[in-house]
Each structure stands twice: as C-alpha cells, then as structure tokens.
C-alpha cells in the first residue's frame, strides 16, 4: 500500500514579500516551505463550506445585512451609540 501521494515538481512565480511571509510562517510552524504551501493549497482546494456557512456567505454578499443608517466605526463609543 502506498503511504504518500505521487508528487510532481513545478515552477511558478510569487511576489517576494509573499514568499518571505510564507517562509516565516513555515519557520514558526517548524515545517518546510513546500509542506506549508501544499497544506494551504489543499485546504483551499478541498475544504468546501457547509450549507449553513454557504447560506450565511450568500446573505452577507446580498447586502441584506447592511445597517441603515451605517454603523459609525470612528470610535468604540460612537459604534455603540450607532447600534442602539
């Protein structure tokens, strides 16, 4: 029985600042850059939100949740006043 998936080496270009950030993340997580990038891509490619999450995303994107009048975020106090 094969314990690991077959892999293919590829080359692609990324922004330098993104590579540096990913390298920092990999170092903090004590793993290789290859492993970290693969894990991030697997998560993005295979983790589909459940029905409740999808419904919430659709509702948020529809604009139904927009506050009228808008919530004032200039300070915490102003935010609480505008919510009441």
PDB file of N, CA and C in Angstrom:
ATOM      1  N   UNK A   1       0.837  -1.184   0.000  1.00  0.00           N
ATOM      2  CA  UNK A   1       0.000   0.000   0.000  1.00  0.00           C
ATOM      3  C   UNK A   1       0.882   1.247   0.000  1.00  0.00           C
ATOM      4  N   UNK A   2       0.569   2.187  -0.871  1.00  0.00           N
ATOM      5  CA  UNK A   2       1.349   3.423  -0.965  1.00  0.00           C
ATOM      6  C   UNK A   2       0.913   4.384   0.140  1.00  0.00           C
ATOM      7  N   UNK A   3       1.869   4.930   0.878  1.00  0.00           N
ATOM      8  CA  UNK A   3       1.532   5.790   2.006  1.00  0.00           C
ATOM      9  C   UNK A   3       1.539   7.270   1.672  1.00  0.00           C
ATOM     10  N   UNK A   4       2.100   7.650   0.537  1.00  0.00           N
ATOM     11  CA  UNK A   4       2.112   9.068   0.190  1.00  0.00           C
ATOM     12  C   UNK A   4       1.637   9.264  -1.241  1.00  0.00           C
ATOM     13  N   UNK A   5       1.035  10.399  -1.489  1.00  0.00           N
ATOM     14  CA  UNK A   5       0.529  10.713  -2.824  1.00  0.00           C
ATOM     15  C   UNK A   5       1.692  10.993  -3.766  1.00  0.00           C
ATOM     16  N   UNK A   6       1.489  10.665  -5.028  1.00  0.00           N
ATOM     17  CA  UNK A   6       2.510  10.996  -6.019  1.00  0.00           C
ATOM     18  C   UNK A   6       2.603  12.497  -6.148  1.00  0.00           C
ATOM     19  N   UNK A   7       3.801  12.975  -6.387  1.00  0.00           N
ATOM     20  CA  UNK A   7       4.018  14.413  -6.486  1.00  0.00           C
ATOM     21  C   UNK A   7       4.719  14.738  -7.791  1.00  0.00           C
ATOM     22  N   UNK A   8       4.499  15.969  -8.247  1.00  0.00           N
ATOM     23  CA  UNK A   8       5.124  16.455  -9.469  1.00  0.00           C
ATOM     24  C   UNK A   8       5.747  17.807  -9.159  1.00  0.00           C
ATOM     25  N   UNK A   9       6.993  17.970  -9.496  1.00  0.00           N
ATOM     26  CA  UNK A   9       7.664  19.239  -9.264  1.00  0.00           C
ATOM     27  C   UNK A   9       7.253  20.235 -10.344  1.00  0.00           C
ATOM     28  N   UNK A  10       6.895  21.444  -9.899  1.00  0.00           N
ATOM     29  CA  UNK A  10       6.518  22.512 -10.824  1.00  0.00           C
ATOM     30  C   UNK A  10       7.237  23.794 -10.435  1.00  0.00           C
ATOM     31  N   UNK A  11       7.219  24.751 -11.325  1.00  0.00           N
ATOM     32  CA  UNK A  11       7.824  26.058 -11.059  1.00  0.00           C
ATOM     33  C   UNK A  11       6.784  27.128 -11.327  1.00  0.00           C
ATOM     34  N   UNK A  12       6.664  28.074 -10.413  1.00  0.00           N
ATOM     35  CA  UNK A  12       5.797  29.218 -10.636  1.00  0.00           C
ATOM     36  C   UNK A  12       6.356  30.415  -9.893  1.00  0.00           C
ATOM     37  N   UNK A  13       5.898  31.595 -10.260  1.00  0.00           N
ATOM     38  CA  UNK A  13       6.413  32.838  -9.687  1.00  0.00           C
ATOM     39  C   UNK A  13       5.445  33.395  -8.649  1.00  0.00           C
ATOM     40  N   UNK A  14       6.009  33.863  -7.544  1.00  0.00           N
ATOM     41  CA  UNK A  14       5.241  34.532  -6.495  1.00  0.00           C
ATOM     42  C   UNK A  14       5.951  35.839  -6.131  1.00  0.00           C
ATOM     43  N   UNK A  15       5.190  36.753  -5.572  1.00  0.00           N
ATOM     44  CA  UNK A  15       5.782  38.009  -5.106  1.00  0.00           C
ATOM     45  C   UNK A  15       6.795  37.706  -3.999  1.00  0.00           C
ATOM     46  N   UNK A  16       7.872  38.448  -3.985  1.00  0.00           N
ATOM     47  CA  UNK A  16       8.933  38.232  -2.996  1.00  0.00           C
ATOM     48  C   UNK A  16       8.416  38.405  -1.578  1.00  0.00           C
ATOM     49  N   UNK A  17       7.574  39.424  -1.355  1.00  0.00           N
ATOM     50  CA  UNK A  17       7.063  39.635   0.005  1.00  0.00           C
ATOM     51  C   UNK A  17       6.180  38.470   0.456  1.00  0.00           C
ATOM     52  N   UNK A  18       5.461  37.843  -0.470  1.00  0.00           N
ATOM     53  CA  UNK A  18       4.639  36.688  -0.125  1.00  0.00           C
ATOM     54  C   UNK A  18       5.522  35.492   0.214  1.00  0.00           C
ATOM     55  N   UNK A  19       6.548  35.263  -0.566  1.00  0.00           N
ATOM     56  CA  UNK A  19       7.477  34.164  -0.287  1.00  0.00           C
ATOM     57  C   UNK A  19       8.116  34.349   1.083  1.00  0.00           C
ATOM     58  N   UNK A  20       8.541  35.569   1.388  1.00  0.00           N
ATOM     59  CA  UNK A  20       9.157  35.835   2.692  1.00  0.00           C
ATOM     60  C   UNK A  20       8.173  35.575   3.828  1.00  0.00           C
ATOM     61  N   UNK A  21       6.938  35.979   3.631  1.00  0.00           N
ATOM     62  CA  UNK A  21       5.923  35.745   4.666  1.00  0.00           C
ATOM     63  C   UNK A  21       5.673  34.250   4.850  1.00  0.00           C
ATOM     64  N   UNK A  22       5.577  33.519   3.732  1.00  0.00           N
ATOM     65  CA  UNK A  22       5.377  32.075   3.813  1.00  0.00           C
ATOM     66  C   UNK A  22       6.569  31.383   4.471  1.00  0.00           C
ATOM     67  N   UNK A  23       7.775  31.838   4.162  1.00  0.00           N
ATOM     68  CA  UNK A  23       8.969  31.267   4.799  1.00  0.00           C
ATOM     69  C   UNK A  23       8.943  31.499   6.311  1.00  0.00           C
ATOM     70  N   UNK A  24       8.519  32.695   6.730  1.00  0.00           N
ATOM     71  CA  UNK A  24       8.406  32.990   8.167  1.00  0.00           C
ATOM     72  C   UNK A  24       7.370  32.071   8.817  1.00  0.00           C
ATOM     73  N   UNK A  25       6.234  31.896   8.142  1.00  0.00           N
ATOM     74  CA  UNK A  25       5.191  31.013   8.676  1.00  0.00           C
ATOM     75  C   UNK A  25       5.706  29.591   8.817  1.00  0.00           C
ATOM     76  N   UNK A  26       6.399  29.106   7.798  1.00  0.00           N
ATOM     77  CA  UNK A  26       6.935  27.748   7.831  1.00  0.00           C
ATOM     78  C   UNK A  26       7.937  27.582   8.970  1.00  0.00           C
ATOM     79  N   UNK A  27       8.778  28.578   9.157  1.00  0.00           N
ATOM     80  CA  UNK A  27       9.761  28.509  10.245  1.00  0.00           C
ATOM     81  C   UNK A  27       9.057  28.471  11.602  1.00  0.00           C
ATOM     82  N   UNK A  28       8.038  29.315  11.786  1.00  0.00           N
ATOM     83  CA  UNK A  28       7.300  29.335  13.057  1.00  0.00           C
ATOM     84  C   UNK A  28       6.593  28.004  13.318  1.00  0.00           C
ATOM     85  N   UNK A  29       6.141  27.345  12.243  1.00  0.00           N
ATOM     86  CA  UNK A  29       5.425  26.077  12.383  1.00  0.00           C
ATOM     87  C   UNK A  29       6.360  24.867  12.294  1.00  0.00           C
ATOM     88  N   UNK A  30       7.669  25.141  12.185  1.00  0.00           N
ATOM     89  CA  UNK A  30       8.683  24.081  12.139  1.00  0.00           C
ATOM     90  C   UNK A  30       8.407  23.082  11.018  1.00  0.00           C
ATOM     91  N   UNK A  31       8.147  23.627   9.821  1.00  0.00           N
ATOM     92  CA  UNK A  31       7.937  22.766   8.660  1.00  0.00           C
ATOM     93  C   UNK A  31       8.595  23.405   7.439  1.00  0.00           C
ATOM     94  N   UNK A  32       8.675  22.648   6.367  1.00  0.00           N
ATOM     95  CA  UNK A  32       9.285  23.181   5.148  1.00  0.00           C
ATOM     96  C   UNK A  32       8.309  24.103   4.422  1.00  0.00           C
ATOM     97  N   UNK A  33       8.867  24.950   3.585  1.00  0.00           N
ATOM     98  CA  UNK A  33       8.036  25.834   2.769  1.00  0.00           C
ATOM     99  C   UNK A  33       7.144  25.009   1.850  1.00  0.00           C
ATOM    100  N   UNK A  34       7.685  23.951   1.245  1.00  0.00           N
ATOM    101  CA  UNK A  34       6.891  23.075   0.378  1.00  0.00           C
ATOM    102  C   UNK A  34       5.671  22.526   1.109  1.00  0.00           C
ATOM    103  N   UNK A  35       5.900  22.007   2.308  1.00  0.00           N
ATOM    104  CA  UNK A  35       4.813  21.422   3.092  1.00  0.00           C
ATOM    105  C   UNK A  35       3.752  22.469   3.423  1.00  0.00           C
ATOM    106  N   UNK A  36       4.175  23.645   3.848  1.00  0.00           N
ATOM    107  CA  UNK A  36       3.233  24.707   4.209  1.00  0.00           C
ATOM    108  C   UNK A  36       2.376  25.114   3.015  1.00  0.00           C
ATOM    109  N   UNK A  37       3.005  25.356   1.872  1.00  0.00           N
ATOM    110  CA  UNK A  37       2.269  25.774   0.680  1.00  0.00           C
ATOM    111  C   UNK A  37       1.311  24.675   0.240  1.00  0.00           C
ATOM    112  N   UNK A  38       1.764  23.422   0.283  1.00  0.00           N
ATOM    113  CA  UNK A  38       0.873  22.315  -0.092  1.00  0.00           C
ATOM    114  C   UNK A  38      -0.334  22.246   0.841  1.00  0.00           C
ATOM    115  N   UNK A  39      -0.096  22.405   2.137  1.00  0.00           N
ATOM    116  CA  UNK A  39      -1.194  22.367   3.112  1.00  0.00           C
ATOM    117  C   UNK A  39      -2.196  23.489   2.863  1.00  0.00           C
ATOM    118  N   UNK A  40      -1.705  24.700   2.584  1.00  0.00           N
ATOM    119  CA  UNK A  40      -2.582  25.834   2.308  1.00  0.00           C
ATOM    120  C   UNK A  40      -3.405  25.569   1.044  1.00  0.00           C
ATOM    121  N   UNK A  41      -2.752  25.053   0.004  1.00  0.00           N
ATOM    122  CA  UNK A  41      -3.454  24.786  -1.255  1.00  0.00           C
ATOM    123  C   UNK A  41      -4.462  23.646  -1.111  1.00  0.00           C
ATOM    124  N   UNK A  42      -4.115  22.608  -0.372  1.00  0.00           N
ATOM    125  CA  UNK A  42      -5.065  21.515  -0.134  1.00  0.00           C
ATOM    126  C   UNK A  42      -6.295  22.025   0.605  1.00  0.00           C
ATOM    127  N   UNK A  43      -6.071  22.865   1.603  1.00  0.00           N
ATOM    128  CA  UNK A  43      -7.180  23.431   2.359  1.00  0.00           C
ATOM    129  C   UNK A  43      -8.087  24.257   1.445  1.00  0.00           C
ATOM    130  N   UNK A  44      -7.496  25.081   0.602  1.00  0.00           N
ATOM    131  CA  UNK A  44      -8.281  25.923  -0.308  1.00  0.00           C
ATOM    132  C   UNK A  44      -9.004  25.098  -1.365  1.00  0.00           C
ATOM    133  N   UNK A  45      -8.378  24.031  -1.824  1.00  0.00           N
ATOM    134  CA  UNK A  45      -8.949  23.245  -2.917  1.00  0.00           C
ATOM    135  C   UNK A  45     -10.012  22.237  -2.460  1.00  0.00           C
ATOM    136  N   UNK A  46      -9.902  21.737  -1.236  1.00  0.00           N
ATOM    137  CA  UNK A  46     -10.775  20.644  -0.820  1.00  0.00           C
ATOM    138  C   UNK A  46     -11.755  20.961   0.300  1.00  0.00           C
ATOM    139  N   UNK A  47     -11.560  22.028   1.043  1.00  0.00           N
ATOM    140  CA  UNK A  47     -12.457  22.333   2.148  1.00  0.00           C
ATOM    141  C   UNK A  47     -13.593  23.233   1.684  1.00  0.00           C
ATOM    142  N   UNK A  48     -14.738  22.623   1.419  1.00  0.00           N
ATOM    143  CA  UNK A  48     -15.921  23.352   0.977  1.00  0.00           C
ATOM    144  C   UNK A  48     -16.755  23.716   2.211  1.00  0.00           C
ATOM    145  N   UNK A  49     -17.193  24.971   2.312  1.00  0.00           N
ATOM    146  CA  UNK A  49     -18.026  25.348   3.457  1.00  0.00           C
ATOM    147  C   UNK A  49     -19.328  24.534   3.481  1.00  0.00           C
ATOM    148  N   UNK A  50     -19.853  24.275   4.685  1.00  0.00           N
ATOM    149  CA  UNK A  50     -21.110  23.535   4.796  1.00  0.00           C
ATOM    150  C   UNK A  50     -22.291  24.415   4.380  1.00  0.00           C
ATOM    151  N   UNK A  51     -23.498  23.856   4.357  1.00  0.00           N
ATOM    152  CA  UNK A  51     -24.679  24.572   3.868  1.00  0.00           C
ATOM    153  C   UNK A  51     -24.988  25.815   4.691  1.00  0.00           C
ATOM    154  N   UNK A  52     -24.833  25.741   6.007  1.00  0.00           N
ATOM    155  CA  UNK A  52     -25.134  26.895   6.875  1.00  0.00           C
ATOM    156  C   UNK A  52     -24.164  28.038   6.577  1.00  0.00           C
ATOM    157  N   UNK A  53     -22.878  27.695   6.443  1.00  0.00           N
ATOM    158  CA  UNK A  53     -21.879  28.718   6.133  1.00  0.00           C
ATOM    159  C   UNK A  53     -22.132  29.322   4.763  1.00  0.00           C
ATOM    160  N   UNK A  54     -22.449  28.483   3.774  1.00  0.00           N
ATOM    161  CA  UNK A  54     -22.732  28.987   2.422  1.00  0.00           C
ATOM    162  C   UNK A  54     -23.933  29.932   2.433  1.00  0.00           C
ATOM    163  N   UNK A  55     -24.973  29.590   3.193  1.00  0.00           N
ATOM    164  CA  UNK A  55     -26.148  30.449   3.284  1.00  0.00           C
ATOM    165  C   UNK A  55     -25.784  31.790   3.919  1.00  0.00           C
ATOM    166  N   UNK A  56     -24.946  31.762   4.950  1.00  0.00           N
ATOM    167  CA  UNK A  56     -24.516  32.998   5.606  1.00  0.00           C
ATOM    168  C   UNK A  56     -23.682  33.855   4.665  1.00  0.00           C
ATOM    169  N   UNK A  57     -22.809  33.227   3.888  1.00  0.00           N
ATOM    170  CA  UNK A  57     -21.989  33.963   2.920  1.00  0.00           C
ATOM    171  C   UNK A  57     -22.881  34.625   1.876  1.00  0.00           C
ATOM    172  N   UNK A  58     -23.850  33.866   1.345  1.00  0.00           N
ATOM    173  CA  UNK A  58     -24.760  34.408   0.337  1.00  0.00           C
ATOM    174  C   UNK A  58     -25.581  35.566   0.895  1.00  0.00           C
ATOM    175  N   UNK A  59     -26.051  35.439   2.140  1.00  0.00           N
ATOM    176  CA  UNK A  59     -26.826  36.504   2.769  1.00  0.00           C
ATOM    177  C   UNK A  59     -25.976  37.764   2.947  1.00  0.00           C
ATOM    178  N   UNK A  60     -24.742  37.587   3.390  1.00  0.00           N
ATOM    179  CA  UNK A  60     -23.846  38.730   3.586  1.00  0.00           C
ATOM    180  C   UNK A  60     -23.530  39.410   2.265  1.00  0.00           C
ATOM    181  N   UNK A  61     -23.310  38.617   1.212  1.00  0.00           N
ATOM    182  CA  UNK A  61     -22.969  39.181  -0.086  1.00  0.00           C
ATOM    183  C   UNK A  61     -24.166  39.845  -0.764  1.00  0.00           C
ATOM    184  N   UNK A  62     -25.373  39.460  -0.376  1.00  0.00           N
ATOM    185  CA  UNK A  62     -26.570  40.020  -1.000  1.00  0.00           C
ATOM    186  C   UNK A  62     -26.827  41.463  -0.571  1.00  0.00           C
ATOM    187  N   UNK A  63     -26.244  41.876   0.536  1.00  0.00           N
ATOM    188  CA  UNK A  63     -26.451  43.235   1.025  1.00  0.00           C
ATOM    189  C   UNK A  63     -27.595  43.342   2.012  1.00  0.00           C
ATOM    190  N   UNK A  64     -28.273  42.248   2.305  1.00  0.00           N
ATOM    191  CA  UNK A  64     -29.402  42.269   3.239  1.00  0.00           C
ATOM    192  C   UNK A  64     -28.983  42.654   4.653  1.00  0.00           C
ATOM    193  N   UNK A  65     -27.721  42.455   4.979  1.00  0.00           N
ATOM    194  CA  UNK A  65     -27.255  42.706   6.342  1.00  0.00           C
ATOM    195  C   UNK A  65     -26.703  44.114   6.543  1.00  0.00           C
ATOM    196  N   UNK A  66     -26.752  44.936   5.495  1.00  0.00           N
ATOM    197  CA  UNK A  66     -26.221  46.298   5.637  1.00  0.00           C
ATOM    198  C   UNK A  66     -27.072  47.084   6.622  1.00  0.00           C
ATOM    199  N   UNK A  67     -26.398  47.775   7.508  1.00  0.00           N
ATOM    200  CA  UNK A  67     -27.094  48.571   8.519  1.00  0.00           C
ATOM    201  C   UNK A  67     -27.565  49.886   7.910  1.00  0.00           C
ATOM    202  N   UNK A  68     -28.764  50.289   8.254  1.00  0.00           N
ATOM    203  CA  UNK A  68     -29.291  51.583   7.825  1.00  0.00           C
ATOM    204  C   UNK A  68     -29.768  52.314   9.059  1.00  0.00           C
ATOM    205  N   UNK A  69     -29.215  53.392   9.451  1.00  0.00           N
ATOM    206  CA  UNK A  69     -28.035  54.026   8.890  1.00  0.00           C
ATOM    207  C   UNK A  69     -26.785  53.197   9.192  1.00  0.00           C
ATOM    208  N   UNK A  70     -25.692  53.496   8.480  1.00  0.00           N
ATOM    209  CA  UNK A  70     -24.466  52.719   8.685  1.00  0.00           C
ATOM    210  C   UNK A  70     -23.940  52.837  10.116  1.00  0.00           C
ATOM    211  N   UNK A  71     -23.241  51.817  10.560  1.00  0.00           N
ATOM    212  CA  UNK A  71     -22.637  51.819  11.895  1.00  0.00           C
ATOM    213  C   UNK A  71     -21.409  52.720  11.868  1.00  0.00           C
ATOM    214  N   UNK A  72     -21.323  53.603  12.867  1.00  0.00           N
ATOM    215  CA  UNK A  72     -20.202  54.539  12.985  1.00  0.00           C
ATOM    216  C   UNK A  72     -19.032  53.826  13.653  1.00  0.00           C
ATOM    217  N   UNK A  73     -17.943  53.643  12.922  1.00  0.00           N
ATOM    218  CA  UNK A  73     -16.788  52.941  13.473  1.00  0.00           C
ATOM    219  C   UNK A  73     -15.631  53.882  13.803  1.00  0.00           C
ATOM    220  N   UNK A  74     -15.932  55.158  13.967  1.00  0.00           N
ATOM    221  CA  UNK A  74     -14.876  56.118  14.262  1.00  0.00           C
ATOM    222  C   UNK A  74     -14.298  55.935  15.662  1.00  0.00           C
ATOM    223  N   UNK A  75     -15.079  55.355  16.573  1.00  0.00           N
ATOM    224  CA  UNK A  75     -14.601  55.035  17.917  1.00  0.00           C
ATOM    225  C   UNK A  75     -15.532  53.975  18.498  1.00  0.00           C
ATOM    226  N   UNK A  76     -15.098  53.344  19.575  1.00  0.00           N
ATOM    227  CA  UNK A  76     -15.927  52.324  20.207  1.00  0.00           C
ATOM    228  C   UNK A  76     -17.227  52.943  20.715  1.00  0.00           C
ATOM    229  N   UNK A  77     -17.122  54.116  21.340  1.00  0.00           N
ATOM    230  CA  UNK A  77     -18.311  54.783  21.871  1.00  0.00           C
ATOM    231  C   UNK A  77     -19.294  55.123  20.756  1.00  0.00           C
ATOM    232  N   UNK A  78     -18.779  55.666  19.649  1.00  0.00           N
ATOM    233  CA  UNK A  78     -19.646  56.002  18.527  1.00  0.00           C
ATOM    234  C   UNK A  78     -20.293  54.763  17.935  1.00  0.00           C
ATOM    235  N   UNK A  79     -19.563  53.665  17.899  1.00  0.00           N
ATOM    236  CA  UNK A  79     -20.123  52.421  17.370  1.00  0.00           C
ATOM    237  C   UNK A  79     -21.299  51.957  18.209  1.00  0.00           C
ATOM    238  N   UNK A  80     -21.127  51.948  19.547  1.00  0.00           N
ATOM    239  CA  UNK A  80     -22.223  51.507  20.417  1.00  0.00           C
ATOM    240  C   UNK A  80     -23.429  52.428  20.296  1.00  0.00           C
ATOM    241  N   UNK A  81     -23.201  53.728  20.175  1.00  0.00           N
ATOM    242  CA  UNK A  81     -24.319  54.668  20.022  1.00  0.00           C
ATOM    243  C   UNK A  81     -25.065  54.421  18.715  1.00  0.00           C
ATOM    244  N   UNK A  82     -24.338  54.145  17.642  1.00  0.00           N
ATOM    245  CA  UNK A  82     -24.991  53.958  16.349  1.00  0.00           C
ATOM    246  C   UNK A  82     -25.721  52.615  16.261  1.00  0.00           C
ATOM    247  N   UNK A  83     -25.373  51.667  17.122  1.00  0.00           N
ATOM    248  CA  UNK A  83     -26.045  50.368  17.128  1.00  0.00           C
ATOM    249  C   UNK A  83     -27.386  50.454  17.839  1.00  0.00           C
ATOM    250  N   UNK A  84     -27.464  51.264  18.870  1.00  0.00           N
ATOM    251  CA  UNK A  84     -28.711  51.377  19.652  1.00  0.00           C
ATOM    252  C   UNK A  84     -29.846  51.943  18.893  1.00  0.00           C
TER     253      UNK A  84
END
